[in-house]
Amino acid sequence: MLEKINLKEAVNAVEKLYVYDKVGNLNGHILSVVNVENRTLDFHIHEQSDELFYVIEGTFHLETDEGLIKIDAGEFIIVPKGMRHRPVVKELSKFLMIELEGTLNKENSGDLYED
Protein backbone atom coordinates (compact mmCIF):
# COMPACT_ATOMS: atom_id res chain seq x y z
CA MET A 1 0.00 0.00 0.00
CA LEU A 2 1.29 3.44 -0.92
CA GLU A 3 1.30 6.18 1.69
CA LYS A 4 2.21 9.81 1.13
CA ILE A 5 4.00 11.52 4.05
CA ASN A 6 4.32 15.27 4.57
CA LEU A 7 7.52 15.67 6.59
CA LYS A 8 6.59 19.07 8.05
CA GLU A 9 3.22 17.79 9.21
CA ALA A 10 4.76 14.60 10.60
CA VAL A 11 7.47 16.36 12.61
CA ASN A 12 5.07 19.07 13.83
CA ALA A 13 2.75 16.33 15.15
CA VAL A 14 5.50 15.14 17.52
CA GLU A 15 4.61 17.00 20.71
CA LYS A 16 7.74 16.34 22.80
CA LEU A 17 11.41 16.94 22.19
CA TYR A 18 13.72 13.98 21.54
CA VAL A 19 10.94 11.55 20.61
CA TYR A 20 11.74 9.69 17.39
CA ASP A 21 8.56 9.05 15.40
CA LYS A 22 8.97 6.36 12.74
CA VAL A 23 7.40 7.57 9.49
CA GLY A 24 8.64 4.91 7.10
CA ASN A 25 10.72 1.85 6.37
CA LEU A 26 12.87 1.55 3.25
CA ASN A 27 14.78 -1.66 2.52
CA GLY A 28 15.61 -2.26 6.17
CA HIS A 29 16.21 1.41 6.92
CA ILE A 30 14.06 3.35 9.38
CA LEU A 31 12.91 6.89 8.56
CA SER A 32 12.23 8.88 11.73
CA VAL A 33 11.32 12.49 12.46
CA VAL A 34 12.43 14.19 15.68
CA ASN A 35 12.46 17.66 17.31
CA VAL A 36 15.70 18.52 19.11
CA GLU A 37 16.82 21.56 21.10
CA ASN A 38 19.86 22.30 23.30
CA ARG A 39 21.34 18.84 23.01
CA THR A 40 24.82 17.54 22.29
CA LEU A 41 25.14 13.79 22.17
CA ASP A 42 28.27 11.82 22.97
CA PHE A 43 30.57 10.91 20.11
CA HIS A 44 29.65 7.56 18.60
CA ILE A 45 30.23 5.38 15.55
CA HIS A 46 27.83 3.31 13.47
CA GLU A 47 29.74 0.26 12.23
CA GLN A 48 27.04 -1.29 10.03
CA SER A 49 25.55 1.54 7.98
CA ASP A 50 25.67 5.17 6.94
CA GLU A 51 23.32 7.65 8.65
CA LEU A 52 21.44 10.54 7.02
CA PHE A 53 20.31 13.74 8.75
CA TYR A 54 17.91 15.94 6.73
CA VAL A 55 17.03 19.27 8.37
CA ILE A 56 13.33 20.05 7.89
CA GLU A 57 13.46 23.22 9.99
CA GLY A 58 16.21 24.99 11.96
CA THR A 59 19.93 24.32 11.86
CA PHE A 60 22.49 22.17 13.63
CA HIS A 61 26.16 21.27 13.55
CA LEU A 62 27.59 17.84 13.00
CA GLU A 63 30.87 17.41 14.83
CA THR A 64 33.47 14.93 13.59
CA ASP A 65 37.17 14.51 14.28
CA GLU A 66 37.69 17.02 11.46
CA GLY A 67 35.59 19.77 13.11
CA LEU A 68 32.06 21.22 12.91
CA ILE A 69 29.86 21.23 9.81
CA LYS A 70 26.76 23.46 9.79
CA ILE A 71 23.62 21.99 8.21
CA ASP A 72 20.65 24.30 7.54
CA ALA A 73 16.97 23.71 6.72
CA GLY A 74 16.58 22.01 3.36
CA GLU A 75 20.04 20.43 3.56
CA PHE A 76 21.11 16.91 4.44
CA ILE A 77 24.34 15.20 5.34
CA ILE A 78 25.28 11.54 5.18
CA VAL A 79 27.64 10.26 7.85
CA PRO A 80 29.59 7.30 6.45
CA LYS A 81 29.66 4.15 8.53
CA GLY A 82 32.67 3.99 10.78
CA MET A 83 32.96 7.80 11.17
CA ARG A 84 33.04 9.15 14.73
CA HIS A 85 30.44 11.92 15.03
CA ARG A 86 27.89 13.67 17.19
CA PRO A 87 25.10 16.15 16.52
CA VAL A 88 25.37 19.52 18.27
CA VAL A 89 21.98 21.27 18.43
CA LYS A 90 21.50 24.69 20.03
CA GLU A 91 18.20 26.02 18.64
CA LEU A 92 15.02 24.06 18.01
CA SER A 93 15.62 21.93 14.94
CA LYS A 94 13.45 19.37 13.19
CA PHE A 95 15.01 16.40 11.42
CA LEU A 96 14.35 13.43 9.25
CA MET A 97 16.84 10.68 10.04
CA ILE A 98 17.45 7.61 7.93
CA GLU A 99 19.46 4.72 9.33
CA LEU A 100 19.65 0.96 9.25
CA GLU A 101 17.03 -0.64 11.48
CA GLY A 102 18.54 -1.23 14.91
CA THR A 103 21.17 1.53 14.54
CA LEU A 104 19.34 4.09 16.66
CA ASN A 105 19.17 3.05 20.30
CA LYS A 106 19.17 4.47 23.81
CA GLU A 107 22.97 4.60 23.87
CA ASN A 108 23.30 6.99 20.90
CA SER A 109 20.02 8.91 21.03
CA GLY A 110 20.20 10.48 24.48
CA ASP A 111 18.44 7.54 26.17
CA LEU A 112 14.94 8.39 24.94
CA TYR A 113 14.62 6.11 21.93
CA GLU A 114 11.91 3.48 22.05
CA ASP A 115 11.64 0.54 19.65
C-alpha atoms as a PDB file:
ATOM      1  CA  MET A   1       0.000   0.000   0.000  1.00  0.00           C
ATOM      2  CA  LEU A   2       1.293   3.442  -0.916  1.00  0.00           C
ATOM      3  CA  GLU A   3       1.302   6.182   1.690  1.00  0.00           C
ATOM      4  CA  LYS A   4       2.207   9.810   1.132  1.00  0.00           C
ATOM      5  CA  ILE A   5       4.000  11.523   4.047  1.00  0.00           C
ATOM      6  CA  ASN A   6       4.321  15.271   4.570  1.00  0.00           C
ATOM      7  CA  LEU A   7       7.517  15.667   6.591  1.00  0.00           C
ATOM      8  CA  LYS A   8       6.593  19.067   8.045  1.00  0.00           C
ATOM      9  CA  GLU A   9       3.220  17.791   9.212  1.00  0.00           C
ATOM     10  CA  ALA A  10       4.761  14.602  10.603  1.00  0.00           C
ATOM     11  CA  VAL A  11       7.474  16.361  12.607  1.00  0.00           C
ATOM     12  CA  ASN A  12       5.074  19.071  13.829  1.00  0.00           C
ATOM     13  CA  ALA A  13       2.748  16.334  15.145  1.00  0.00           C
ATOM     14  CA  VAL A  14       5.496  15.144  17.520  1.00  0.00           C
ATOM     15  CA  GLU A  15       4.611  17.003  20.707  1.00  0.00           C
ATOM     16  CA  LYS A  16       7.739  16.335  22.800  1.00  0.00           C
ATOM     17  CA  LEU A  17      11.410  16.938  22.193  1.00  0.00           C
ATOM     18  CA  TYR A  18      13.720  13.982  21.543  1.00  0.00           C
ATOM     19  CA  VAL A  19      10.936  11.555  20.609  1.00  0.00           C
ATOM     20  CA  TYR A  20      11.738   9.689  17.391  1.00  0.00           C
ATOM     21  CA  ASP A  21       8.559   9.050  15.397  1.00  0.00           C
ATOM     22  CA  LYS A  22       8.970   6.365  12.745  1.00  0.00           C
ATOM     23  CA  VAL A  23       7.404   7.569   9.491  1.00  0.00           C
ATOM     24  CA  GLY A  24       8.642   4.911   7.102  1.00  0.00           C
ATOM     25  CA  ASN A  25      10.717   1.853   6.371  1.00  0.00           C
ATOM     26  CA  LEU A  26      12.872   1.546   3.250  1.00  0.00           C
ATOM     27  CA  ASN A  27      14.778  -1.662   2.522  1.00  0.00           C
ATOM     28  CA  GLY A  28      15.605  -2.263   6.170  1.00  0.00           C
ATOM     29  CA  HIS A  29      16.213   1.408   6.924  1.00  0.00           C
ATOM     30  CA  ILE A  30      14.057   3.347   9.379  1.00  0.00           C
ATOM     31  CA  LEU A  31      12.914   6.890   8.564  1.00  0.00           C
ATOM     32  CA  SER A  32      12.231   8.882  11.729  1.00  0.00           C
ATOM     33  CA  VAL A  33      11.325  12.492  12.464  1.00  0.00           C
ATOM     34  CA  VAL A  34      12.427  14.193  15.680  1.00  0.00           C
ATOM     35  CA  ASN A  35      12.459  17.656  17.314  1.00  0.00           C
ATOM     36  CA  VAL A  36      15.696  18.522  19.114  1.00  0.00           C
ATOM     37  CA  GLU A  37      16.822  21.563  21.095  1.00  0.00           C
ATOM     38  CA  ASN A  38      19.856  22.303  23.303  1.00  0.00           C
ATOM     39  CA  ARG A  39      21.345  18.837  23.014  1.00  0.00           C
ATOM     40  CA  THR A  40      24.822  17.538  22.285  1.00  0.00           C
ATOM     41  CA  LEU A  41      25.140  13.786  22.165  1.00  0.00           C
ATOM     42  CA  ASP A  42      28.275  11.819  22.973  1.00  0.00           C
ATOM     43  CA  PHE A  43      30.574  10.914  20.107  1.00  0.00           C
ATOM     44  CA  HIS A  44      29.651   7.560  18.598  1.00  0.00           C
ATOM     45  CA  ILE A  45      30.234   5.381  15.549  1.00  0.00           C
ATOM     46  CA  HIS A  46      27.826   3.306  13.471  1.00  0.00           C
ATOM     47  CA  GLU A  47      29.738   0.257  12.228  1.00  0.00           C
ATOM     48  CA  GLN A  48      27.038  -1.291  10.027  1.00  0.00           C
ATOM     49  CA  SER A  49      25.554   1.541   7.985  1.00  0.00           C
ATOM     50  CA  ASP A  50      25.670   5.166   6.942  1.00  0.00           C
ATOM     51  CA  GLU A  51      23.322   7.649   8.654  1.00  0.00           C
ATOM     52  CA  LEU A  52      21.445  10.538   7.020  1.00  0.00           C
ATOM     53  CA  PHE A  53      20.314  13.743   8.746  1.00  0.00           C
ATOM     54  CA  TYR A  54      17.909  15.940   6.733  1.00  0.00           C
ATOM     55  CA  VAL A  55      17.026  19.273   8.372  1.00  0.00           C
ATOM     56  CA  ILE A  56      13.332  20.050   7.888  1.00  0.00           C
ATOM     57  CA  GLU A  57      13.465  23.221   9.986  1.00  0.00           C
ATOM     58  CA  GLY A  58      16.206  24.986  11.956  1.00  0.00           C
ATOM     59  CA  THR A  59      19.934  24.323  11.858  1.00  0.00           C
ATOM     60  CA  PHE A  60      22.493  22.174  13.627  1.00  0.00           C
ATOM     61  CA  HIS A  61      26.156  21.268  13.550  1.00  0.00           C
ATOM     62  CA  LEU A  62      27.589  17.843  12.998  1.00  0.00           C
ATOM     63  CA  GLU A  63      30.871  17.409  14.831  1.00  0.00           C
ATOM     64  CA  THR A  64      33.473  14.931  13.587  1.00  0.00           C
ATOM     65  CA  ASP A  65      37.170  14.513  14.285  1.00  0.00           C
ATOM     66  CA  GLU A  66      37.690  17.025  11.455  1.00  0.00           C
ATOM     67  CA  GLY A  67      35.585  19.767  13.111  1.00  0.00           C
ATOM     68  CA  LEU A  68      32.057  21.218  12.910  1.00  0.00           C
ATOM     69  CA  ILE A  69      29.865  21.228   9.805  1.00  0.00           C
ATOM     70  CA  LYS A  70      26.760  23.456   9.791  1.00  0.00           C
ATOM     71  CA  ILE A  71      23.617  21.988   8.207  1.00  0.00           C
ATOM     72  CA  ASP A  72      20.654  24.301   7.539  1.00  0.00           C
ATOM     73  CA  ALA A  73      16.974  23.710   6.715  1.00  0.00           C
ATOM     74  CA  GLY A  74      16.582  22.015   3.360  1.00  0.00           C
ATOM     75  CA  GLU A  75      20.040  20.425   3.563  1.00  0.00           C
ATOM     76  CA  PHE A  76      21.107  16.913   4.440  1.00  0.00           C
ATOM     77  CA  ILE A  77      24.342  15.203   5.342  1.00  0.00           C
ATOM     78  CA  ILE A  78      25.282  11.543   5.182  1.00  0.00           C
ATOM     79  CA  VAL A  79      27.637  10.256   7.849  1.00  0.00           C
ATOM     80  CA  PRO A  80      29.593   7.305   6.447  1.00  0.00           C
ATOM     81  CA  LYS A  81      29.658   4.146   8.531  1.00  0.00           C
ATOM     82  CA  GLY A  82      32.674   3.989  10.780  1.00  0.00           C
ATOM     83  CA  MET A  83      32.959   7.801  11.168  1.00  0.00           C
ATOM     84  CA  ARG A  84      33.038   9.150  14.733  1.00  0.00           C
ATOM     85  CA  HIS A  85      30.441  11.917  15.034  1.00  0.00           C
ATOM     86  CA  ARG A  86      27.893  13.670  17.190  1.00  0.00           C
ATOM     87  CA  PRO A  87      25.098  16.153  16.521  1.00  0.00           C
ATOM     88  CA  VAL A  88      25.369  19.519  18.271  1.00  0.00           C
ATOM     89  CA  VAL A  89      21.984  21.270  18.427  1.00  0.00           C
ATOM     90  CA  LYS A  90      21.500  24.690  20.030  1.00  0.00           C
ATOM     91  CA  GLU A  91      18.201  26.025  18.639  1.00  0.00           C
ATOM     92  CA  LEU A  92      15.016  24.056  18.010  1.00  0.00           C
ATOM     93  CA  SER A  93      15.625  21.935  14.937  1.00  0.00           C
ATOM     94  CA  LYS A  94      13.448  19.370  13.190  1.00  0.00           C
ATOM     95  CA  PHE A  95      15.008  16.401  11.424  1.00  0.00           C
ATOM     96  CA  LEU A  96      14.355  13.430   9.246  1.00  0.00           C
ATOM     97  CA  MET A  97      16.839  10.682  10.042  1.00  0.00           C
ATOM     98  CA  ILE A  98      17.453   7.610   7.926  1.00  0.00           C
ATOM     99  CA  GLU A  99      19.457   4.719   9.330  1.00  0.00           C
ATOM    100  CA  LEU A 100      19.645   0.956   9.249  1.00  0.00           C
ATOM    101  CA  GLU A 101      17.031  -0.642  11.480  1.00  0.00           C
ATOM    102  CA  GLY A 102      18.545  -1.235  14.914  1.00  0.00           C
ATOM    103  CA  THR A 103      21.166   1.528  14.541  1.00  0.00           C
ATOM    104  CA  LEU A 104      19.336   4.091  16.659  1.00  0.00           C
ATOM    105  CA  ASN A 105      19.171   3.051  20.297  1.00  0.00           C
ATOM    106  CA  LYS A 106      19.165   4.472  23.806  1.00  0.00           C
ATOM    107  CA  GLU A 107      22.972   4.603  23.869  1.00  0.00           C
ATOM    108  CA  ASN A 108      23.303   6.988  20.904  1.00  0.00           C
ATOM    109  CA  SER A 109      20.020   8.908  21.026  1.00  0.00           C
ATOM    110  CA  GLY A 110      20.204  10.478  24.478  1.00  0.00           C
ATOM    111  CA  ASP A 111      18.439   7.537  26.171  1.00  0.00           C
ATOM    112  CA  LEU A 112      14.944   8.394  24.940  1.00  0.00           C
ATOM    113  CA  TYR A 113      14.623   6.108  21.930  1.00  0.00           C
ATOM    114  CA  GLU A 114      11.906   3.482  22.046  1.00  0.00           C
ATOM    115  CA  ASP A 115      11.645   0.537  19.654  1.00  0.00           C
END
